[in-house]
Amino acid sequence: MEQFFINWTLYPCNSGVAPGHLHELHALYSKAPTESVLWFAVRAIAFADMRDSLVGRDIPFYVKARQSYGEALNHIREIAHDEQKLAGDQVLAAIILIDNFEVLFRFDILTTFDTY
């Protein structure tokens, strides 16, 4: 998780112009309950970002990324009927991360997963 926050929030590759659109994510994540939609969404992107790192791991990171992505989607489905929960900052941040995951990693993760 530390590597994710360094790469995505502390140094978001914007040449120091602005803190980046995810600069509040660490605070939201640290307050999020374990196994919440935000917790799974952050883990999905963090694992996907490390998908090629297999050294000393029982389960490859690309598999963990796909599992966390699926859990994030399941949690969104569970709270979709409750507008109060959907409008929370943690859920909105999770939706942004899920979208980022789908745009940046989903095809790559699914392709890698299907070849093993």
PDB file of N, CA and C in Angstrom:
ATOM      1  N   MET A   1       0.819  -1.186   0.000  1.00  0.00           N
ATOM      2  CA  MET A   1       0.000   0.000   0.000  1.00  0.00           C
ATOM      3  C   MET A   1       0.871   1.261   0.000  1.00  0.00           C
ATOM      4  N   GLU A   2       2.007   1.191   0.706  1.00  0.00           N
ATOM      5  CA  GLU A   2       2.870   2.372   0.763  1.00  0.00           C
ATOM      6  C   GLU A   2       3.346   2.780  -0.626  1.00  0.00           C
ATOM      7  N   GLN A   3       3.731   1.801  -1.436  1.00  0.00           N
ATOM      8  CA  GLN A   3       4.201   2.107  -2.789  1.00  0.00           C
ATOM      9  C   GLN A   3       3.099   2.744  -3.626  1.00  0.00           C
ATOM     10  N   PHE A   4       1.872   2.270  -3.465  1.00  0.00           N
ATOM     11  CA  PHE A   4       0.742   2.862  -4.180  1.00  0.00           C
ATOM     12  C   PHE A   4       0.587   4.329  -3.817  1.00  0.00           C
ATOM     13  N   PHE A   5       0.595   4.642  -2.528  1.00  0.00           N
ATOM     14  CA  PHE A   5       0.393   6.024  -2.106  1.00  0.00           C
ATOM     15  C   PHE A   5       1.550   6.919  -2.532  1.00  0.00           C
ATOM     16  N   ILE A   6       2.765   6.382  -2.570  1.00  0.00           N
ATOM     17  CA  ILE A   6       3.900   7.176  -3.058  1.00  0.00           C
ATOM     18  C   ILE A   6       3.732   7.475  -4.539  1.00  0.00           C
ATOM     19  N   ASN A   7       3.415   6.456  -5.322  1.00  0.00           N
ATOM     20  CA  ASN A   7       3.304   6.623  -6.776  1.00  0.00           C
ATOM     21  C   ASN A   7       2.076   7.410  -7.211  1.00  0.00           C
ATOM     22  N   TRP A   8       0.956   7.230  -6.538  1.00  0.00           N
ATOM     23  CA  TRP A   8      -0.306   7.780  -7.016  1.00  0.00           C
ATOM     24  C   TRP A   8      -0.737   9.066  -6.324  1.00  0.00           C
ATOM     25  N   THR A   9      -0.263   9.295  -5.097  1.00  0.00           N
ATOM     26  CA  THR A   9      -0.728  10.491  -4.400  1.00  0.00           C
ATOM     27  C   THR A   9       0.397  11.449  -4.039  1.00  0.00           C
ATOM     28  N   LEU A  10       1.551  10.929  -3.609  1.00  0.00           N
ATOM     29  CA  LEU A  10       2.645  11.806  -3.215  1.00  0.00           C
ATOM     30  C   LEU A  10       3.380  12.371  -4.428  1.00  0.00           C
ATOM     31  N   TYR A  11       3.633  11.523  -5.407  1.00  0.00           N
ATOM     32  CA  TYR A  11       4.319  11.941  -6.634  1.00  0.00           C
ATOM     33  C   TYR A  11       3.478  11.550  -7.855  1.00  0.00           C
ATOM     34  N   PRO A  12       2.411  12.278  -8.133  1.00  0.00           N
ATOM     35  CA  PRO A  12       1.501  11.885  -9.217  1.00  0.00           C
ATOM     36  C   PRO A  12       1.947  12.304 -10.621  1.00  0.00           C
ATOM     37  N   CYS A  13       3.219  12.578 -10.822  1.00  0.00           N
ATOM     38  CA  CYS A  13       3.765  12.914 -12.150  1.00  0.00           C
ATOM     39  C   CYS A  13       3.139  14.163 -12.754  1.00  0.00           C
ATOM     40  N   ASN A  14       2.941  15.175 -11.951  1.00  0.00           N
ATOM     41  CA  ASN A  14       2.411  16.417 -12.494  1.00  0.00           C
ATOM     42  C   ASN A  14       3.399  17.563 -12.316  1.00  0.00           C
ATOM     43  N   SER A  15       4.659  17.227 -12.162  1.00  0.00           N
ATOM     44  CA  SER A  15       5.757  18.197 -12.060  1.00  0.00           C
ATOM     45  C   SER A  15       5.560  19.197 -10.927  1.00  0.00           C
ATOM     46  N   GLY A  16       4.899  18.793  -9.879  1.00  0.00           N
ATOM     47  CA  GLY A  16       4.729  19.649  -8.712  1.00  0.00           C
ATOM     48  C   GLY A  16       3.778  20.811  -8.893  1.00  0.00           C
ATOM     49  N   VAL A  17       3.043  20.828  -9.990  1.00  0.00           N
ATOM     50  CA  VAL A  17       2.126  21.934 -10.270  1.00  0.00           C
ATOM     51  C   VAL A  17       0.950  21.929  -9.297  1.00  0.00           C
ATOM     52  N   ALA A  18       0.385  20.774  -9.036  1.00  0.00           N
ATOM     53  CA  ALA A  18      -0.750  20.631  -8.137  1.00  0.00           C
ATOM     54  C   ALA A  18      -0.587  19.316  -7.383  1.00  0.00           C
ATOM     55  N   PRO A  19      -1.237  19.164  -6.246  1.00  0.00           N
ATOM     56  CA  PRO A  19      -1.070  17.931  -5.484  1.00  0.00           C
ATOM     57  C   PRO A  19      -1.673  16.696  -6.143  1.00  0.00           C
ATOM     58  N   GLY A  20      -2.468  16.848  -7.167  1.00  0.00           N
ATOM     59  CA  GLY A  20      -3.074  15.705  -7.836  1.00  0.00           C
ATOM     60  C   GLY A  20      -4.479  15.460  -7.334  1.00  0.00           C
ATOM     61  N   HIS A  21      -5.297  14.824  -8.154  1.00  0.00           N
ATOM     62  CA  HIS A  21      -6.705  14.659  -7.800  1.00  0.00           C
ATOM     63  C   HIS A  21      -6.929  13.611  -6.715  1.00  0.00           C
ATOM     64  N   LEU A  22      -5.919  12.841  -6.367  1.00  0.00           N
ATOM     65  CA  LEU A  22      -6.072  11.835  -5.320  1.00  0.00           C
ATOM     66  C   LEU A  22      -5.350  12.214  -4.027  1.00  0.00           C
ATOM     67  N   HIS A  23      -5.018  13.493  -3.865  1.00  0.00           N
ATOM     68  CA  HIS A  23      -4.192  13.887  -2.719  1.00  0.00           C
ATOM     69  C   HIS A  23      -4.885  13.666  -1.372  1.00  0.00           C
ATOM     70  N   GLU A  24      -6.188  13.577  -1.313  1.00  0.00           N
ATOM     71  CA  GLU A  24      -6.904  13.316  -0.061  1.00  0.00           C
ATOM     72  C   GLU A  24      -7.165  11.825   0.159  1.00  0.00           C
ATOM     73  N   LEU A  25      -6.731  10.996  -0.775  1.00  0.00           N
ATOM     74  CA  LEU A  25      -7.048   9.578  -0.722  1.00  0.00           C
ATOM     75  C   LEU A  25      -6.470   8.886   0.511  1.00  0.00           C
ATOM     76  N   HIS A  26      -5.246   9.219   0.882  1.00  0.00           N
ATOM     77  CA  HIS A  26      -4.631   8.548   2.026  1.00  0.00           C
ATOM     78  C   HIS A  26      -5.443   8.776   3.294  1.00  0.00           C
ATOM     79  N   ALA A  27      -5.900   9.993   3.504  1.00  0.00           N
ATOM     80  CA  ALA A  27      -6.715  10.287   4.691  1.00  0.00           C
ATOM     81  C   ALA A  27      -8.033   9.510   4.651  1.00  0.00           C
ATOM     82  N   LEU A  28      -8.661   9.451   3.488  1.00  0.00           N
ATOM     83  CA  LEU A  28      -9.907   8.692   3.359  1.00  0.00           C
ATOM     84  C   LEU A  28      -9.669   7.201   3.593  1.00  0.00           C
ATOM     85  N   TYR A  29      -8.574   6.697   3.023  1.00  0.00           N
ATOM     86  CA  TYR A  29      -8.256   5.273   3.155  1.00  0.00           C
ATOM     87  C   TYR A  29      -7.950   4.913   4.606  1.00  0.00           C
ATOM     88  N   SER A  30      -7.219   5.765   5.302  1.00  0.00           N
ATOM     89  CA  SER A  30      -6.862   5.450   6.683  1.00  0.00           C
ATOM     90  C   SER A  30      -8.086   5.429   7.605  1.00  0.00           C
ATOM     91  N   LYS A  31      -9.151   6.119   7.228  1.00  0.00           N
ATOM     92  CA  LYS A  31     -10.387   6.133   8.011  1.00  0.00           C
ATOM     93  C   LYS A  31     -11.390   5.074   7.538  1.00  0.00           C
ATOM     94  N   ALA A  32     -11.134   4.474   6.388  1.00  0.00           N
ATOM     95  CA  ALA A  32     -12.078   3.506   5.820  1.00  0.00           C
ATOM     96  C   ALA A  32     -12.040   2.197   6.600  1.00  0.00           C
ATOM     97  N   PRO A  33     -13.201   1.604   6.816  1.00  0.00           N
ATOM     98  CA  PRO A  33     -13.232   0.303   7.478  1.00  0.00           C
ATOM     99  C   PRO A  33     -12.569  -0.767   6.606  1.00  0.00           C
ATOM    100  N   THR A  34     -11.975  -1.738   7.246  1.00  0.00           N
ATOM    101  CA  THR A  34     -11.403  -2.874   6.531  1.00  0.00           C
ATOM    102  C   THR A  34     -12.515  -3.554   5.746  1.00  0.00           C
ATOM    103  N   GLU A  35     -12.197  -3.948   4.543  1.00  0.00           N
ATOM    104  CA  GLU A  35     -13.113  -4.614   3.621  1.00  0.00           C
ATOM    105  C   GLU A  35     -14.277  -3.730   3.187  1.00  0.00           C
ATOM    106  N   SER A  36     -14.063  -2.421   3.173  1.00  0.00           N
ATOM    107  CA  SER A  36     -15.045  -1.499   2.602  1.00  0.00           C
ATOM    108  C   SER A  36     -14.755  -1.371   1.109  1.00  0.00           C
ATOM    109  N   VAL A  37     -15.633  -0.706   0.403  1.00  0.00           N
ATOM    110  CA  VAL A  37     -15.434  -0.545  -1.036  1.00  0.00           C
ATOM    111  C   VAL A  37     -14.141   0.210  -1.332  1.00  0.00           C
ATOM    112  N   LEU A  38     -13.820   1.244  -0.565  1.00  0.00           N
ATOM    113  CA  LEU A  38     -12.575   1.987  -0.787  1.00  0.00           C
ATOM    114  C   LEU A  38     -11.363   1.120  -0.468  1.00  0.00           C
ATOM    115  N   TRP A  39     -11.435   0.342   0.577  1.00  0.00           N
ATOM    116  CA  TRP A  39     -10.342  -0.540   0.964  1.00  0.00           C
ATOM    117  C   TRP A  39     -10.014  -1.500  -0.177  1.00  0.00           C
ATOM    118  N   PHE A  40     -11.042  -2.102  -0.777  1.00  0.00           N
ATOM    119  CA  PHE A  40     -10.818  -3.030  -1.882  1.00  0.00           C
ATOM    120  C   PHE A  40     -10.359  -2.307  -3.149  1.00  0.00           C
ATOM    121  N   ALA A  41     -10.898  -1.129  -3.417  1.00  0.00           N
ATOM    122  CA  ALA A  41     -10.513  -0.388  -4.631  1.00  0.00           C
ATOM    123  C   ALA A  41      -9.043   0.021  -4.579  1.00  0.00           C
ATOM    124  N   VAL A  42      -8.592   0.506  -3.438  1.00  0.00           N
ATOM    125  CA  VAL A  42      -7.172   0.883  -3.296  1.00  0.00           C
ATOM    126  C   VAL A  42      -6.298  -0.347  -3.466  1.00  0.00           C
ATOM    127  N   ARG A  43      -6.679  -1.438  -2.858  1.00  0.00           N
ATOM    128  CA  ARG A  43      -5.886  -2.667  -2.972  1.00  0.00           C
ATOM    129  C   ARG A  43      -5.857  -3.181  -4.414  1.00  0.00           C
ATOM    130  N   ALA A  44      -6.970  -3.059  -5.137  1.00  0.00           N
ATOM    131  CA  ALA A  44      -7.007  -3.518  -6.530  1.00  0.00           C
ATOM    132  C   ALA A  44      -5.976  -2.772  -7.367  1.00  0.00           C
ATOM    133  N   ILE A  45      -5.940  -1.454  -7.230  1.00  0.00           N
ATOM    134  CA  ILE A  45      -4.980  -0.685  -8.024  1.00  0.00           C
ATOM    135  C   ILE A  45      -3.558  -0.911  -7.530  1.00  0.00           C
ATOM    136  N   ALA A  46      -3.373  -0.996  -6.232  1.00  0.00           N
ATOM    137  CA  ALA A  46      -2.024  -1.233  -5.698  1.00  0.00           C
ATOM    138  C   ALA A  46      -1.474  -2.569  -6.185  1.00  0.00           C
ATOM    139  N   PHE A  47      -2.283  -3.613  -6.145  1.00  0.00           N
ATOM    140  CA  PHE A  47      -1.835  -4.919  -6.622  1.00  0.00           C
ATOM    141  C   PHE A  47      -1.623  -4.921  -8.132  1.00  0.00           C
ATOM    142  N   ALA A  48      -2.503  -4.259  -8.860  1.00  0.00           N
ATOM    143  CA  ALA A  48      -2.349  -4.196 -10.314  1.00  0.00           C
ATOM    144  C   ALA A  48      -1.079  -3.447 -10.691  1.00  0.00           C
ATOM    145  N   ASP A  49      -0.758  -2.420  -9.927  1.00  0.00           N
ATOM    146  CA  ASP A  49       0.453  -1.650 -10.170  1.00  0.00           C
ATOM    147  C   ASP A  49       1.699  -2.510  -9.962  1.00  0.00           C
ATOM    148  N   MET A  50       1.585  -3.550  -9.145  1.00  0.00           N
ATOM    149  CA  MET A  50       2.701  -4.445  -8.846  1.00  0.00           C
ATOM    150  C   MET A  50       2.534  -5.795  -9.532  1.00  0.00           C
ATOM    151  N   ARG A  51       1.693  -5.866 -10.551  1.00  0.00           N
ATOM    152  CA  ARG A  51       1.301  -7.142 -11.146  1.00  0.00           C
ATOM    153  C   ARG A  51       2.452  -7.997 -11.654  1.00  0.00           C
ATOM    154  N   ASP A  52       3.577  -7.396 -11.986  1.00  0.00           N
ATOM    155  CA  ASP A  52       4.704  -8.170 -12.504  1.00  0.00           C
ATOM    156  C   ASP A  52       5.673  -8.601 -11.415  1.00  0.00           C
ATOM    157  N   SER A  53       5.420  -8.214 -10.172  1.00  0.00           N
ATOM    158  CA  SER A  53       6.289  -8.575  -9.055  1.00  0.00           C
ATOM    159  C   SER A  53       5.800  -9.881  -8.449  1.00  0.00           C
ATOM    160  N   LEU A  54       6.498 -10.956  -8.725  1.00  0.00           N
ATOM    161  CA  LEU A  54       6.062 -12.264  -8.258  1.00  0.00           C
ATOM    162  C   LEU A  54       7.006 -12.864  -7.222  1.00  0.00           C
ATOM    163  N   VAL A  55       8.094 -12.207  -6.914  1.00  0.00           N
ATOM    164  CA  VAL A  55       9.133 -12.764  -6.068  1.00  0.00           C
ATOM    165  C   VAL A  55       8.605 -13.027  -4.662  1.00  0.00           C
ATOM    166  N   GLY A  56       8.716 -14.269  -4.211  1.00  0.00           N
ATOM    167  CA  GLY A  56       8.367 -14.633  -2.857  1.00  0.00           C
ATOM    168  C   GLY A  56       6.889 -14.561  -2.525  1.00  0.00           C
ATOM    169  N   ARG A  57       6.018 -14.618  -3.506  1.00  0.00           N
ATOM    170  CA  ARG A  57       4.581 -14.517  -3.252  1.00  0.00           C
ATOM    171  C   ARG A  57       3.896 -15.829  -3.616  1.00  0.00           C
ATOM    172  N   ASP A  58       2.963 -16.251  -2.762  1.00  0.00           N
ATOM    173  CA  ASP A  58       2.177 -17.452  -3.062  1.00  0.00           C
ATOM    174  C   ASP A  58       1.141 -17.168  -4.147  1.00  0.00           C
ATOM    175  N   ILE A  59       0.512 -15.994  -4.053  1.00  0.00           N
ATOM    176  CA  ILE A  59      -0.498 -15.592  -5.028  1.00  0.00           C
ATOM    177  C   ILE A  59       0.045 -14.385  -5.787  1.00  0.00           C
ATOM    178  N   PRO A  60       0.133 -14.461  -7.116  1.00  0.00           N
ATOM    179  CA  PRO A  60       0.639 -13.318  -7.891  1.00  0.00           C
ATOM    180  C   PRO A  60      -0.209 -12.070  -7.682  1.00  0.00           C
ATOM    181  N   PHE A  61       0.423 -10.925  -7.797  1.00  0.00           N
ATOM    182  CA  PHE A  61      -0.271  -9.663  -7.573  1.00  0.00           C
ATOM    183  C   PHE A  61      -1.396  -9.430  -8.571  1.00  0.00           C
ATOM    184  N   TYR A  62      -1.258  -9.920  -9.811  1.00  0.00           N
ATOM    185  CA  TYR A  62      -2.335  -9.702 -10.771  1.00  0.00           C
ATOM    186  C   TYR A  62      -3.595 -10.465 -10.354  1.00  0.00           C
ATOM    187  N   VAL A  63      -3.436 -11.589  -9.677  1.00  0.00           N
ATOM    188  CA  VAL A  63      -4.593 -12.336  -9.165  1.00  0.00           C
ATOM    189  C   VAL A  63      -5.213 -11.572  -7.999  1.00  0.00           C
ATOM    190  N   LYS A  64      -4.360 -11.057  -7.094  1.00  0.00           N
ATOM    191  CA  LYS A  64      -4.867 -10.270  -5.980  1.00  0.00           C
ATOM    192  C   LYS A  64      -5.567  -9.008  -6.483  1.00  0.00           C
ATOM    193  N   ALA A  65      -5.050  -8.418  -7.546  1.00  0.00           N
ATOM    194  CA  ALA A  65      -5.680  -7.228  -8.125  1.00  0.00           C
ATOM    195  C   ALA A  65      -7.079  -7.549  -8.614  1.00  0.00           C
ATOM    196  N   ARG A  66      -7.203  -8.643  -9.324  1.00  0.00           N
ATOM    197  CA  ARG A  66      -8.520  -9.025  -9.858  1.00  0.00           C
ATOM    198  C   ARG A  66      -9.492  -9.371  -8.735  1.00  0.00           C
ATOM    199  N   GLN A  67      -9.010 -10.049  -7.697  1.00  0.00           N
ATOM    200  CA  GLN A  67      -9.869 -10.386  -6.562  1.00  0.00           C
ATOM    201  C   GLN A  67     -10.362  -9.119  -5.858  1.00  0.00           C
ATOM    202  N   SER A  68      -9.463  -8.182  -5.621  1.00  0.00           N
ATOM    203  CA  SER A  68      -9.842  -6.946  -4.934  1.00  0.00           C
ATOM    204  C   SER A  68     -10.791  -6.106  -5.785  1.00  0.00           C
ATOM    205  N   TYR A  69     -10.552  -6.080  -7.095  1.00  0.00           N
ATOM    206  CA  TYR A  69     -11.444  -5.369  -8.014  1.00  0.00           C
ATOM    207  C   TYR A  69     -12.853  -5.964  -7.937  1.00  0.00           C
ATOM    208  N   GLY A  70     -12.945  -7.274  -7.965  1.00  0.00           N
ATOM    209  CA  GLY A  70     -14.247  -7.936  -7.865  1.00  0.00           C
ATOM    210  C   GLY A  70     -14.937  -7.652  -6.541  1.00  0.00           C
ATOM    211  N   GLU A  71     -14.183  -7.656  -5.462  1.00  0.00           N
ATOM    212  CA  GLU A  71     -14.767  -7.351  -4.155  1.00  0.00           C
ATOM    213  C   GLU A  71     -15.253  -5.900  -4.098  1.00  0.00           C
ATOM    214  N   ALA A  72     -14.499  -4.982  -4.690  1.00  0.00           N
ATOM    215  CA  ALA A  72     -14.932  -3.581  -4.729  1.00  0.00           C
ATOM    216  C   ALA A  72     -16.253  -3.458  -5.482  1.00  0.00           C
ATOM    217  N   LEU A  73     -16.364  -4.133  -6.612  1.00  0.00           N
ATOM    218  CA  LEU A  73     -17.617  -4.108  -7.374  1.00  0.00           C
ATOM    219  C   LEU A  73     -18.766  -4.721  -6.583  1.00  0.00           C
ATOM    220  N   ASN A  74     -18.502  -5.813  -5.874  1.00  0.00           N
ATOM    221  CA  ASN A  74     -19.544  -6.430  -5.047  1.00  0.00           C
ATOM    222  C   ASN A  74     -20.021  -5.485  -3.958  1.00  0.00           C
ATOM    223  N   HIS A  75     -19.098  -4.757  -3.349  1.00  0.00           N
ATOM    224  CA  HIS A  75     -19.487  -3.830  -2.288  1.00  0.00           C
ATOM    225  C   HIS A  75     -20.297  -2.656  -2.850  1.00  0.00           C
ATOM    226  N   ILE A  76     -19.926  -2.194  -4.040  1.00  0.00           N
ATOM    227  CA  ILE A  76     -20.733  -1.138  -4.684  1.00  0.00           C
ATOM    228  C   ILE A  76     -22.150  -1.660  -4.931  1.00  0.00           C
ATOM    229  N   ARG A  77     -22.261  -2.871  -5.406  1.00  0.00           N
ATOM    230  CA  ARG A  77     -23.569  -3.469  -5.672  1.00  0.00           C
ATOM    231  C   ARG A  77     -24.390  -3.557  -4.388  1.00  0.00           C
ATOM    232  N   GLU A  78     -23.755  -3.897  -3.271  1.00  0.00           N
ATOM    233  CA  GLU A  78     -24.460  -4.035  -2.000  1.00  0.00           C
ATOM    234  C   GLU A  78     -25.028  -2.704  -1.499  1.00  0.00           C
ATOM    235  N   ILE A  79     -24.324  -1.595  -1.760  1.00  0.00           N
ATOM    236  CA  ILE A  79     -24.787  -0.309  -1.239  1.00  0.00           C
ATOM    237  C   ILE A  79     -25.467   0.555  -2.295  1.00  0.00           C
ATOM    238  N   ALA A  80     -25.652   0.027  -3.486  1.00  0.00           N
ATOM    239  CA  ALA A  80     -26.210   0.813  -4.596  1.00  0.00           C
ATOM    240  C   ALA A  80     -27.623   1.329  -4.315  1.00  0.00           C
ATOM    241  N   HIS A  81     -28.364   0.660  -3.487  1.00  0.00           N
ATOM    242  CA  HIS A  81     -29.741   1.076  -3.195  1.00  0.00           C
ATOM    243  C   HIS A  81     -29.812   2.208  -2.169  1.00  0.00           C
ATOM    244  N   ASP A  82     -28.715   2.510  -1.518  1.00  0.00           N
ATOM    245  CA  ASP A  82     -28.706   3.513  -0.449  1.00  0.00           C
ATOM    246  C   ASP A  82     -27.997   4.779  -0.920  1.00  0.00           C
ATOM    247  N   GLU A  83     -28.765   5.810  -1.271  1.00  0.00           N
ATOM    248  CA  GLU A  83     -28.188   7.054  -1.793  1.00  0.00           C
ATOM    249  C   GLU A  83     -27.272   7.737  -0.782  1.00  0.00           C
ATOM    250  N   GLN A  84     -27.575   7.606   0.499  1.00  0.00           N
ATOM    251  CA  GLN A  84     -26.737   8.217   1.540  1.00  0.00           C
ATOM    252  C   GLN A  84     -25.337   7.619   1.514  1.00  0.00           C
ATOM    253  N   LYS A  85     -25.247   6.305   1.412  1.00  0.00           N
ATOM    254  CA  LYS A  85     -23.938   5.648   1.386  1.00  0.00           C
ATOM    255  C   LYS A  85     -23.201   5.934   0.082  1.00  0.00           C
ATOM    256  N   LEU A  86     -23.915   5.952  -1.030  1.00  0.00           N
ATOM    257  CA  LEU A  86     -23.284   6.198  -2.322  1.00  0.00           C
ATOM    258  C   LEU A  86     -22.681   7.593  -2.416  1.00  0.00           C
ATOM    259  N   ALA A  87     -23.244   8.542  -1.701  1.00  0.00           N
ATOM    260  CA  ALA A  87     -22.772   9.924  -1.784  1.00  0.00           C
ATOM    261  C   ALA A  87     -21.611  10.215  -0.839  1.00  0.00           C
ATOM    262  N   GLY A  88     -21.149   9.231  -0.071  1.00  0.00           N
ATOM    263  CA  GLY A  88     -20.049   9.443   0.855  1.00  0.00           C
ATOM    264  C   GLY A  88     -18.721   9.626   0.126  1.00  0.00           C
ATOM    265  N   ASP A  89     -17.828  10.380   0.733  1.00  0.00           N
ATOM    266  CA  ASP A  89     -16.526  10.646   0.115  1.00  0.00           C
ATOM    267  C   ASP A  89     -15.731   9.371  -0.161  1.00  0.00           C
ATOM    268  N   GLN A  90     -15.778   8.419   0.756  1.00  0.00           N
ATOM    269  CA  GLN A  90     -15.028   7.180   0.565  1.00  0.00           C
ATOM    270  C   GLN A  90     -15.551   6.388  -0.629  1.00  0.00           C
ATOM    271  N   VAL A  91     -16.851   6.338  -0.794  1.00  0.00           N
ATOM    272  CA  VAL A  91     -17.434   5.598  -1.920  1.00  0.00           C
ATOM    273  C   VAL A  91     -17.146   6.317  -3.232  1.00  0.00           C
ATOM    274  N   LEU A  92     -17.255   7.630  -3.234  1.00  0.00           N
ATOM    275  CA  LEU A  92     -16.949   8.380  -4.457  1.00  0.00           C
ATOM    276  C   LEU A  92     -15.476   8.217  -4.843  1.00  0.00           C
ATOM    277  N   ALA A  93     -14.582   8.241  -3.861  1.00  0.00           N
ATOM    278  CA  ALA A  93     -13.159   8.000  -4.147  1.00  0.00           C
ATOM    279  C   ALA A  93     -12.950   6.595  -4.686  1.00  0.00           C
ATOM    280  N   ALA A  94     -13.675   5.632  -4.125  1.00  0.00           N
ATOM    281  CA  ALA A  94     -13.571   4.252  -4.602  1.00  0.00           C
ATOM    282  C   ALA A  94     -14.042   4.132  -6.046  1.00  0.00           C
ATOM    283  N   ILE A  95     -15.108   4.835  -6.393  1.00  0.00           N
ATOM    284  CA  ILE A  95     -15.616   4.794  -7.773  1.00  0.00           C
ATOM    285  C   ILE A  95     -14.572   5.358  -8.740  1.00  0.00           C
ATOM    286  N   ILE A  96     -13.900   6.431  -8.338  1.00  0.00           N
ATOM    287  CA  ILE A  96     -12.818   6.985  -9.168  1.00  0.00           C
ATOM    288  C   ILE A  96     -11.712   5.949  -9.353  1.00  0.00           C
ATOM    289  N   LEU A  97     -11.347   5.271  -8.277  1.00  0.00           N
ATOM    290  CA  LEU A  97     -10.294   4.257  -8.368  1.00  0.00           C
ATOM    291  C   LEU A  97     -10.719   3.066  -9.216  1.00  0.00           C
ATOM    292  N   ILE A  98     -11.964   2.647  -9.076  1.00  0.00           N
ATOM    293  CA  ILE A  98     -12.459   1.539  -9.899  1.00  0.00           C
ATOM    294  C   ILE A  98     -12.407   1.928 -11.376  1.00  0.00           C
ATOM    295  N   ASP A  99     -12.794   3.150 -11.675  1.00  0.00           N
ATOM    296  CA  ASP A  99     -12.716   3.640 -13.048  1.00  0.00           C
ATOM    297  C   ASP A  99     -11.272   3.653 -13.527  1.00  0.00           C
ATOM    298  N   ASN A 100     -10.355   4.140 -12.695  1.00  0.00           N
ATOM    299  CA  ASN A 100      -8.933   4.131 -13.055  1.00  0.00           C
ATOM    300  C   ASN A 100      -8.443   2.714 -13.294  1.00  0.00           C
ATOM    301  N   PHE A 101      -8.848   1.791 -12.453  1.00  0.00           N
ATOM    302  CA  PHE A 101      -8.457   0.391 -12.615  1.00  0.00           C
ATOM    303  C   PHE A 101      -8.918  -0.133 -13.965  1.00  0.00           C
ATOM    304  N   GLU A 102     -10.179   0.130 -14.295  1.00  0.00           N
ATOM    305  CA  GLU A 102     -10.727  -0.368 -15.556  1.00  0.00           C
ATOM    306  C   GLU A 102     -10.013   0.238 -16.754  1.00  0.00           C
ATOM    307  N   VAL A 103      -9.695   1.506 -16.670  1.00  0.00           N
ATOM    308  CA  VAL A 103      -9.031   2.165 -17.791  1.00  0.00           C
ATOM    309  C   VAL A 103      -7.575   1.714 -17.913  1.00  0.00           C
ATOM    310  N   LEU A 104      -6.878   1.639 -16.807  1.00  0.00           N
ATOM    311  CA  LEU A 104      -5.433   1.391 -16.842  1.00  0.00           C
ATOM    312  C   LEU A 104      -5.038  -0.077 -16.817  1.00  0.00           C
ATOM    313  N   PHE A 105      -5.803  -0.909 -16.111  1.00  0.00           N
ATOM    314  CA  PHE A 105      -5.317  -2.253 -15.844  1.00  0.00           C
ATOM    315  C   PHE A 105      -6.241  -3.384 -16.249  1.00  0.00           C
ATOM    316  N   ARG A 106      -7.515  -3.153 -16.368  1.00  0.00           N
ATOM    317  CA  ARG A 106      -8.444  -4.270 -16.492  1.00  0.00           C
ATOM    318  C   ARG A 106      -8.112  -5.190 -17.657  1.00  0.00           C
ATOM    319  N   PHE A 107      -7.908  -4.671 -18.832  1.00  0.00           N
ATOM    320  CA  PHE A 107      -7.606  -5.537 -19.981  1.00  0.00           C
ATOM    321  C   PHE A 107      -6.305  -6.293 -19.743  1.00  0.00           C
ATOM    322  N   ASP A 108      -5.298  -5.586 -19.246  1.00  0.00           N
ATOM    323  CA  ASP A 108      -4.006  -6.213 -18.990  1.00  0.00           C
ATOM    324  C   ASP A 108      -4.119  -7.300 -17.934  1.00  0.00           C
ATOM    325  N   ILE A 109      -4.835  -7.022 -16.851  1.00  0.00           N
ATOM    326  CA  ILE A 109      -5.005  -7.993 -15.778  1.00  0.00           C
ATOM    327  C   ILE A 109      -5.791  -9.196 -16.267  1.00  0.00           C
ATOM    328  N   LEU A 110      -6.876  -8.982 -17.007  1.00  0.00           N
ATOM    329  CA  LEU A 110      -7.676 -10.102 -17.489  1.00  0.00           C
ATOM    330  C   LEU A 110      -6.903 -10.944 -18.498  1.00  0.00           C
ATOM    331  N   THR A 111      -6.138 -10.295 -19.355  1.00  0.00           N
ATOM    332  CA  THR A 111      -5.343 -11.023 -20.330  1.00  0.00           C
ATOM    333  C   THR A 111      -4.271 -11.853 -19.630  1.00  0.00           C
ATOM    334  N   THR A 112      -3.585 -11.252 -18.674  1.00  0.00           N
ATOM    335  CA  THR A 112      -2.549 -11.970 -17.928  1.00  0.00           C
ATOM    336  C   THR A 112      -3.166 -13.121 -17.180  1.00  0.00           C
ATOM    337  N   PHE A 113      -4.309 -12.883 -16.539  1.00  0.00           N
ATOM    338  CA  PHE A 113      -4.963 -13.929 -15.742  1.00  0.00           C
ATOM    339  C   PHE A 113      -5.366 -15.093 -16.622  1.00  0.00           C
ATOM    340  N   ASP A 114      -5.877 -14.812 -17.791  1.00  0.00           N
ATOM    341  CA  ASP A 114      -6.364 -15.889 -18.663  1.00  0.00           C
ATOM    342  C   ASP A 114      -5.246 -16.714 -19.279  1.00  0.00           C
ATOM    343  N   THR A 115      -4.028 -16.193 -19.303  1.00  0.00           N
ATOM    344  CA  THR A 115      -2.936 -16.934 -19.927  1.00  0.00           C
ATOM    345  C   THR A 115      -2.263 -17.903 -18.962  1.00  0.00           C
ATOM    346  N   TYR A 116      -2.566 -17.813 -17.686  1.00  0.00           N
ATOM    347  CA  TYR A 116      -1.923 -18.698 -16.701  1.00  0.00           C
ATOM    348  C   TYR A 116      -2.816 -19.825 -16.286  1.00  0.00           C
TER     349      TYR A 116
END
